[in-house]
Amino acid sequence: MPFTAPFAAMGYVGFVQFEGGAFQSNGLIRAFSADVRLSQEITAPDVVDGSTDRTAYQLGPKIVGGGVEFPAVFDRSGAGSSTADVATLIYDACVNRTTGGQLESQFNISTRYTNQAASSFKYEDCIVNSFRFSVTQSDVIRIGIDVIGKSRIAAGPQTATNFDNTRIAVWADALFNILDTSQNNLDISGNHVRSLEVNINNNADRFYTLNGLLEPQDIAARKRDVEGSVTLMGRHPDLGNAAFSNEDRCYEETKLGFGYSVNNANCSGAFGSVLPNVILFIEELSLTNDLFETTVRFRSLPAASLLTLNDDPLRRANASVDLGVMFPGVTFP
């Protein structure tokens, strides 16, 4: 039976949607890019067999993983399907753990690539391995995640709910503050900041067993890394001195708040979190003919205990008091 004539299938008719777990029906997003995929390495090892050619091949594990990047957006209050809350849900999926150390939320990712019948897949039992929040002056607020999943199945024809029009959150909507009134006398707002990046990495790994499958038996998160960098216009002496005098202290209480919000009653969608126990690196300086900037890297040690997991300071509910101090008057979901 002859194949039908090929046609140019455009990718803009596709979509990516997070389903189940914390997302329920709110996981449809407007994505800059989505490269979650299934891959498998096939090798031809060296064997001594009296031949000049390779005569044996080996299958590797089936690996589901990749990244999704999307802009933070607002929405008309109560209007239709929106990514206004997805940033918050994805952050929760990245940081919220059980008392056994596992991530609370596993979910599926449905991806339709084109309108062709066989171009829709569902990636099952996925976790958010890493979360990235970044914003640069004169640019949009970007949120990127790295996911790891167990398997892929054909999803059949899929349709997406129509989006209403909405505004992308930009640098003017970003929230930032570094605060420590106990030791370092720091209170630094976004007025000094040119760019910010925050990364939370669960360092998850796939674990295989003799279960008769090339897919992992389970995916487990390890100790997480919470770090990032902030680039300032010029040099902030208090920030620089706090890092320079790290050896004078035996603990840190510096807090870094970040997120976005809009001051408009007709809009919904906001996100915010606070990183506790922030250790500042000595600033990076370079002299050029361009604007003088300094970059300060940082690392946060939240110190969440499995015995009192509900007190994890990265959980948004536990960060609400600090958010109210850093960003008074802003309402977060």
Protein backbone atom coordinates (compact mmCIF):
# COMPACT_ATOMS: atom_id res chain seq x y z
CA MET A 1 0.00 0.00 0.00
CA PRO A 2 1.62 3.30 -1.03
CA PHE A 3 2.16 6.03 1.51
CA THR A 4 0.23 9.25 1.21
CA ALA A 5 2.09 12.25 -0.14
CA PRO A 6 4.10 14.02 2.61
CA PHE A 7 3.00 17.47 3.67
CA ALA A 8 4.55 20.26 5.74
CA ALA A 9 3.15 19.77 9.25
CA MET A 10 3.67 22.91 11.33
CA GLY A 11 4.60 22.62 14.99
CA TYR A 12 2.52 25.55 16.21
CA VAL A 13 -0.57 23.35 16.21
CA GLY A 14 1.04 21.22 18.92
CA PHE A 15 1.01 21.73 22.66
CA VAL A 16 2.43 20.41 25.91
CA GLN A 17 0.30 19.71 28.98
CA PHE A 18 1.06 18.48 32.50
CA GLU A 19 -1.58 16.11 33.85
CA GLY A 20 -2.28 14.54 37.23
CA GLY A 21 -0.41 15.00 40.48
CA ALA A 22 -0.54 18.65 41.53
CA PHE A 23 -1.67 19.84 38.10
CA GLN A 24 -5.13 18.33 37.61
CA SER A 25 -6.57 20.36 34.71
CA ASN A 26 -4.32 23.43 35.06
CA GLY A 27 -1.22 22.12 33.31
CA LEU A 28 -1.63 23.43 29.75
CA ILE A 29 1.10 25.95 29.07
CA ARG A 30 2.34 28.34 26.44
CA ALA A 31 5.84 26.98 25.87
CA PHE A 32 8.88 28.63 24.35
CA SER A 33 10.30 25.15 23.86
CA ALA A 34 9.62 21.58 24.96
CA ASP A 35 12.09 18.81 24.18
CA VAL A 36 10.88 16.03 26.49
CA ARG A 37 11.59 12.85 24.55
CA LEU A 38 12.35 9.14 24.65
CA SER A 39 15.88 8.09 23.77
CA GLN A 40 17.87 4.88 23.73
CA GLU A 41 21.55 4.30 23.11
CA ILE A 42 22.53 1.37 20.90
CA THR A 43 26.18 0.39 20.88
CA ALA A 44 28.25 -2.14 18.97
CA PRO A 45 30.93 -3.34 21.42
CA ASP A 46 34.28 -4.87 20.55
CA VAL A 47 34.12 -8.66 20.54
CA VAL A 48 36.77 -11.06 19.22
CA ASP A 49 34.95 -13.11 16.58
CA GLY A 50 37.33 -13.58 13.65
CA SER A 51 35.71 -10.73 11.75
CA THR A 52 36.78 -7.26 10.66
CA ASP A 53 33.26 -5.99 11.24
CA ARG A 54 31.18 -5.56 14.38
CA THR A 55 28.72 -8.40 14.64
CA ALA A 56 26.93 -7.75 17.93
CA TYR A 57 24.91 -4.82 19.23
CA GLN A 58 23.70 -3.87 22.67
CA LEU A 59 20.53 -2.02 23.70
CA GLY A 60 20.74 0.62 26.38
CA PRO A 61 17.96 1.70 28.74
CA LYS A 62 14.99 3.68 27.48
CA ILE A 63 15.39 7.17 28.89
CA VAL A 64 12.55 9.70 29.19
CA GLY A 65 13.65 13.23 29.95
CA GLY A 66 14.16 16.72 28.68
CA GLY A 67 13.29 20.31 29.34
CA VAL A 68 10.40 22.74 29.04
CA GLU A 69 10.79 26.51 29.07
CA PHE A 70 7.90 28.96 29.19
CA PRO A 71 7.21 32.61 29.99
CA ALA A 72 5.52 33.64 33.21
CA VAL A 73 2.13 35.13 32.29
CA PHE A 74 -0.81 36.89 33.84
CA ASP A 75 -4.45 36.27 33.04
CA ARG A 76 -7.80 37.97 33.28
CA SER A 77 -9.19 36.97 36.65
CA GLY A 78 -11.19 33.77 36.31
CA ALA A 79 -10.77 33.62 32.53
CA GLY A 80 -10.45 30.21 30.88
CA SER A 81 -7.37 28.02 30.59
CA SER A 82 -4.18 29.77 31.61
CA THR A 83 -0.57 29.33 32.62
CA ALA A 84 -1.09 31.90 35.37
CA ASP A 85 -0.86 29.22 38.07
CA VAL A 86 1.46 26.73 36.38
CA ALA A 87 4.64 28.39 37.69
CA THR A 88 3.38 27.93 41.23
CA LEU A 89 2.35 24.31 40.64
CA ILE A 90 5.66 23.43 38.97
CA TYR A 91 7.60 24.99 41.83
CA ASP A 92 5.56 22.92 44.31
CA ALA A 93 6.24 19.77 42.28
CA CYS A 94 9.96 20.50 42.45
CA VAL A 95 10.33 21.24 46.19
CA ASN A 96 7.56 19.42 48.07
CA ARG A 97 8.71 16.07 49.49
CA THR A 98 7.32 13.31 51.68
CA THR A 99 8.80 12.24 55.00
CA GLY A 100 10.66 9.53 53.10
CA GLY A 101 12.44 12.10 50.94
CA GLN A 102 10.51 11.34 47.76
CA LEU A 103 8.97 14.09 45.69
CA GLU A 104 5.25 14.36 46.43
CA SER A 105 4.09 14.92 42.86
CA GLN A 106 4.40 12.52 39.93
CA PHE A 107 2.52 13.45 36.78
CA ASN A 108 2.18 12.74 33.07
CA ILE A 109 3.19 15.04 30.23
CA SER A 110 1.05 14.93 27.09
CA THR A 111 2.72 16.32 24.00
CA ARG A 112 1.15 16.79 20.61
CA TYR A 113 3.79 17.64 18.02
CA THR A 114 1.64 18.18 14.92
CA ASN A 115 -1.88 17.39 13.73
CA GLN A 116 -0.73 14.10 12.20
CA ALA A 117 -2.47 11.06 13.67
CA ALA A 118 0.67 9.41 15.09
CA SER A 119 2.41 12.46 16.55
CA SER A 120 0.95 12.57 20.07
CA PHE A 121 2.60 10.92 23.06
CA LYS A 122 2.19 10.71 26.81
CA TYR A 123 5.28 10.60 29.01
CA GLU A 124 4.32 8.80 32.20
CA ASP A 125 5.33 9.11 35.87
CA CYS A 126 7.43 12.25 35.46
CA ILE A 127 9.05 14.35 38.18
CA VAL A 128 10.50 17.85 38.14
CA ASN A 129 14.22 17.30 38.58
CA SER A 130 15.19 20.97 38.40
CA PHE A 131 13.49 24.37 38.39
CA ARG A 132 14.99 27.56 36.99
CA PHE A 133 13.68 31.11 37.43
CA SER A 134 15.47 33.78 35.40
CA VAL A 135 14.91 37.38 34.46
CA THR A 136 17.10 39.98 32.75
CA GLN A 137 16.42 43.68 32.35
CA SER A 138 14.34 44.48 29.24
CA ASP A 139 13.36 40.82 28.86
CA VAL A 140 10.57 38.46 29.90
CA ILE A 141 10.54 36.33 33.03
CA ARG A 142 11.48 32.80 32.04
CA ILE A 143 10.79 29.57 33.89
CA GLY A 144 12.53 26.38 32.84
CA ILE A 145 12.33 22.86 34.18
CA ASP A 146 14.13 19.59 33.60
CA VAL A 147 11.95 16.49 33.93
CA ILE A 148 12.64 12.77 34.25
CA GLY A 149 10.01 10.16 33.40
CA LYS A 150 9.61 6.39 33.32
CA SER A 151 7.95 5.57 30.00
CA ARG A 152 6.26 6.83 26.83
CA ILE A 153 3.02 5.64 25.29
CA ALA A 154 1.11 6.66 22.18
CA ALA A 155 -1.61 9.09 23.22
CA GLY A 156 -3.82 9.17 20.14
CA PRO A 157 -5.56 12.35 18.89
CA GLN A 158 -5.49 15.18 21.44
CA THR A 159 -7.08 18.59 21.58
CA ALA A 160 -6.25 21.61 23.71
CA THR A 161 -8.48 24.20 25.31
CA ASN A 162 -8.30 27.55 23.57
CA PHE A 163 -6.26 30.18 25.40
CA ASP A 164 -7.51 33.65 26.08
CA ASN A 165 -5.08 36.48 25.31
CA THR A 166 -2.80 37.44 28.15
CA ARG A 167 0.26 39.51 28.99
CA ILE A 168 3.68 37.97 29.58
CA ALA A 169 5.35 39.01 32.83
CA VAL A 170 8.46 41.07 32.15
CA TRP A 171 11.36 42.44 34.16
CA ALA A 172 9.24 45.31 35.52
CA ASP A 173 6.92 42.74 37.16
CA ALA A 174 9.76 40.86 38.85
CA LEU A 175 10.16 40.84 42.63
CA PHE A 176 13.53 40.71 44.36
CA ASN A 177 14.92 41.39 47.80
CA ILE A 178 17.86 40.30 49.92
CA LEU A 179 17.26 40.77 53.62
CA ASP A 180 19.31 40.13 56.77
CA THR A 181 18.92 42.56 59.63
CA SER A 182 20.58 40.36 62.25
CA GLN A 183 24.20 40.02 61.08
CA ASN A 184 24.91 41.61 57.70
CA ASN A 185 22.54 44.59 57.78
CA LEU A 186 21.36 43.78 54.26
CA ASP A 187 18.21 45.16 52.67
CA ILE A 188 18.75 45.21 48.91
CA SER A 189 15.91 45.63 46.45
CA GLY A 190 15.64 45.02 42.73
CA ASN A 191 16.64 48.62 42.02
CA HIS A 192 20.26 47.43 42.01
CA VAL A 193 19.67 44.29 39.93
CA ARG A 194 20.24 43.77 36.20
CA SER A 195 19.58 40.03 36.11
CA LEU A 196 18.71 37.16 38.42
CA GLU A 197 18.81 33.39 38.12
CA VAL A 198 17.65 30.86 40.73
CA ASN A 199 18.18 27.12 40.29
CA ILE A 200 16.76 24.30 42.41
CA ASN A 201 18.13 20.87 41.48
CA ASN A 202 16.87 17.62 43.04
CA ASN A 203 19.74 15.61 41.54
CA ALA A 204 17.30 12.79 40.81
CA ASP A 205 18.41 9.54 39.24
CA ARG A 206 16.87 6.53 37.49
CA PHE A 207 17.19 3.17 39.21
CA TYR A 208 16.92 -0.08 37.24
CA THR A 209 16.13 -3.61 38.43
CA LEU A 210 15.73 -7.02 36.83
CA ASN A 211 12.08 -6.25 36.17
CA GLY A 212 12.11 -7.48 32.57
CA LEU A 213 11.96 -3.92 31.21
CA LEU A 214 14.39 -1.43 29.74
CA GLU A 215 12.61 1.25 31.79
CA PRO A 216 13.58 2.27 35.33
CA GLN A 217 11.83 0.68 38.27
CA ASP A 218 11.82 4.00 40.09
CA ILE A 219 13.12 7.56 40.00
CA ALA A 220 14.39 9.01 43.26
CA ALA A 221 15.55 12.46 44.28
CA ARG A 222 18.78 12.96 46.19
CA LYS A 223 19.92 15.91 48.31
CA ARG A 224 18.95 19.07 46.50
CA ASP A 225 21.13 22.01 45.48
CA VAL A 226 19.69 25.52 45.71
CA GLU A 227 21.86 28.18 44.12
CA GLY A 228 21.91 31.03 41.66
CA SER A 229 23.42 34.38 40.78
CA VAL A 230 22.49 38.04 40.72
CA THR A 231 24.10 40.68 38.52
CA LEU A 232 24.09 44.22 39.87
CA MET A 233 24.57 47.60 38.23
CA GLY A 234 27.87 48.67 39.73
CA ARG A 235 29.00 47.26 43.06
CA HIS A 236 26.91 47.14 46.21
CA PRO A 237 29.33 47.58 49.13
CA ASP A 238 27.09 45.94 51.75
CA LEU A 239 26.63 42.85 49.57
CA GLY A 240 30.32 42.69 48.77
CA ASN A 241 31.38 43.14 52.38
CA ALA A 242 28.95 40.45 53.58
CA ALA A 243 30.62 37.91 51.28
CA PHE A 244 34.13 39.12 52.09
CA SER A 245 33.51 38.61 55.82
CA ASN A 246 32.06 35.07 55.59
CA GLU A 247 34.80 33.75 57.89
CA ASP A 248 33.64 36.08 60.68
CA ARG A 249 30.36 34.13 61.08
CA CYS A 250 29.54 30.51 61.86
CA TYR A 251 26.02 30.57 60.40
CA GLU A 252 23.92 32.55 57.92
CA GLU A 253 20.46 34.07 58.19
CA THR A 254 20.37 36.01 54.94
CA LYS A 255 17.14 35.53 52.97
CA LEU A 256 16.56 36.06 49.27
CA GLY A 257 13.03 36.63 47.97
CA PHE A 258 12.09 36.37 44.30
CA GLY A 259 9.02 36.08 42.10
CA TYR A 260 6.66 38.26 40.10
CA SER A 261 3.35 40.06 40.50
CA VAL A 262 1.22 42.76 38.87
CA ASN A 263 -0.59 45.59 40.61
CA ASN A 264 -3.89 45.19 38.79
CA ALA A 265 -7.14 43.91 40.27
CA ASN A 266 -8.27 42.60 36.88
CA CYS A 267 -5.28 40.27 36.56
CA SER A 268 -4.49 37.00 38.28
CA GLY A 269 -1.23 35.13 38.44
CA ALA A 270 1.64 35.72 40.83
CA PHE A 271 4.51 33.67 42.15
CA GLY A 272 6.93 34.14 45.01
CA SER A 273 9.32 32.21 47.22
CA VAL A 274 12.05 32.87 49.76
CA LEU A 275 15.42 31.15 49.93
CA PRO A 276 16.68 30.98 53.54
CA ASN A 277 20.23 30.68 54.89
CA VAL A 278 21.85 32.22 51.81
CA ILE A 279 25.64 32.14 51.61
CA LEU A 280 27.06 34.82 49.32
CA PHE A 281 30.15 34.32 47.16
CA ILE A 282 32.70 37.09 46.71
CA GLU A 283 31.57 39.20 43.77
CA GLU A 284 32.97 38.76 40.28
CA LEU A 285 34.32 42.01 38.82
CA SER A 286 35.65 42.79 35.37
CA LEU A 287 36.65 46.07 33.74
CA THR A 288 35.32 46.70 30.22
CA ASN A 289 34.28 49.65 28.07
CA ASP A 290 30.65 48.73 28.76
CA LEU A 291 28.49 49.26 31.82
CA PHE A 292 30.29 48.28 35.03
CA GLU A 293 28.51 45.29 36.59
CA THR A 294 29.26 42.83 39.34
CA THR A 295 27.96 39.29 39.64
CA VAL A 296 27.35 37.64 43.00
CA ARG A 297 26.73 33.92 43.13
CA PHE A 298 24.88 32.45 46.09
CA ARG A 299 23.94 29.13 47.65
CA SER A 300 20.99 28.46 49.94
CA LEU A 301 20.94 25.75 52.62
CA PRO A 302 17.25 25.45 53.56
CA ALA A 303 17.99 22.71 56.14
CA ALA A 304 14.62 20.99 55.79
CA SER A 305 14.32 18.04 58.17
CA LEU A 306 12.45 14.89 57.22
CA LEU A 307 11.22 14.68 60.79
CA THR A 308 9.42 18.01 60.44
CA LEU A 309 8.94 18.14 56.69
CA ASN A 310 5.94 20.43 56.85
CA ASP A 311 8.34 23.08 58.17
CA ASP A 312 10.43 22.97 54.98
CA PRO A 313 11.14 26.68 54.38
CA LEU A 314 10.96 26.23 50.60
CA ARG A 315 7.30 25.23 50.79
CA ARG A 316 5.33 28.31 49.79
CA ALA A 317 2.96 28.01 52.73
CA ASN A 318 5.89 28.19 55.15
CA ALA A 319 7.45 31.10 53.24
CA SER A 320 4.29 33.24 53.42
CA VAL A 321 5.41 35.23 56.47
CA ASP A 322 8.78 36.06 54.93
CA LEU A 323 7.11 36.96 51.63
CA GLY A 324 4.84 39.37 53.49
CA VAL A 325 7.88 41.04 55.04
CA MET A 326 9.85 41.28 51.82
CA PHE A 327 6.99 42.21 49.51
CA PRO A 328 4.28 43.92 51.59
CA GLY A 329 0.95 44.34 49.87
CA VAL A 330 1.55 41.57 47.32
CA THR A 331 -0.89 38.65 47.35
CA PHE A 332 0.44 35.23 46.41
CA PRO A 333 -1.66 32.12 45.65
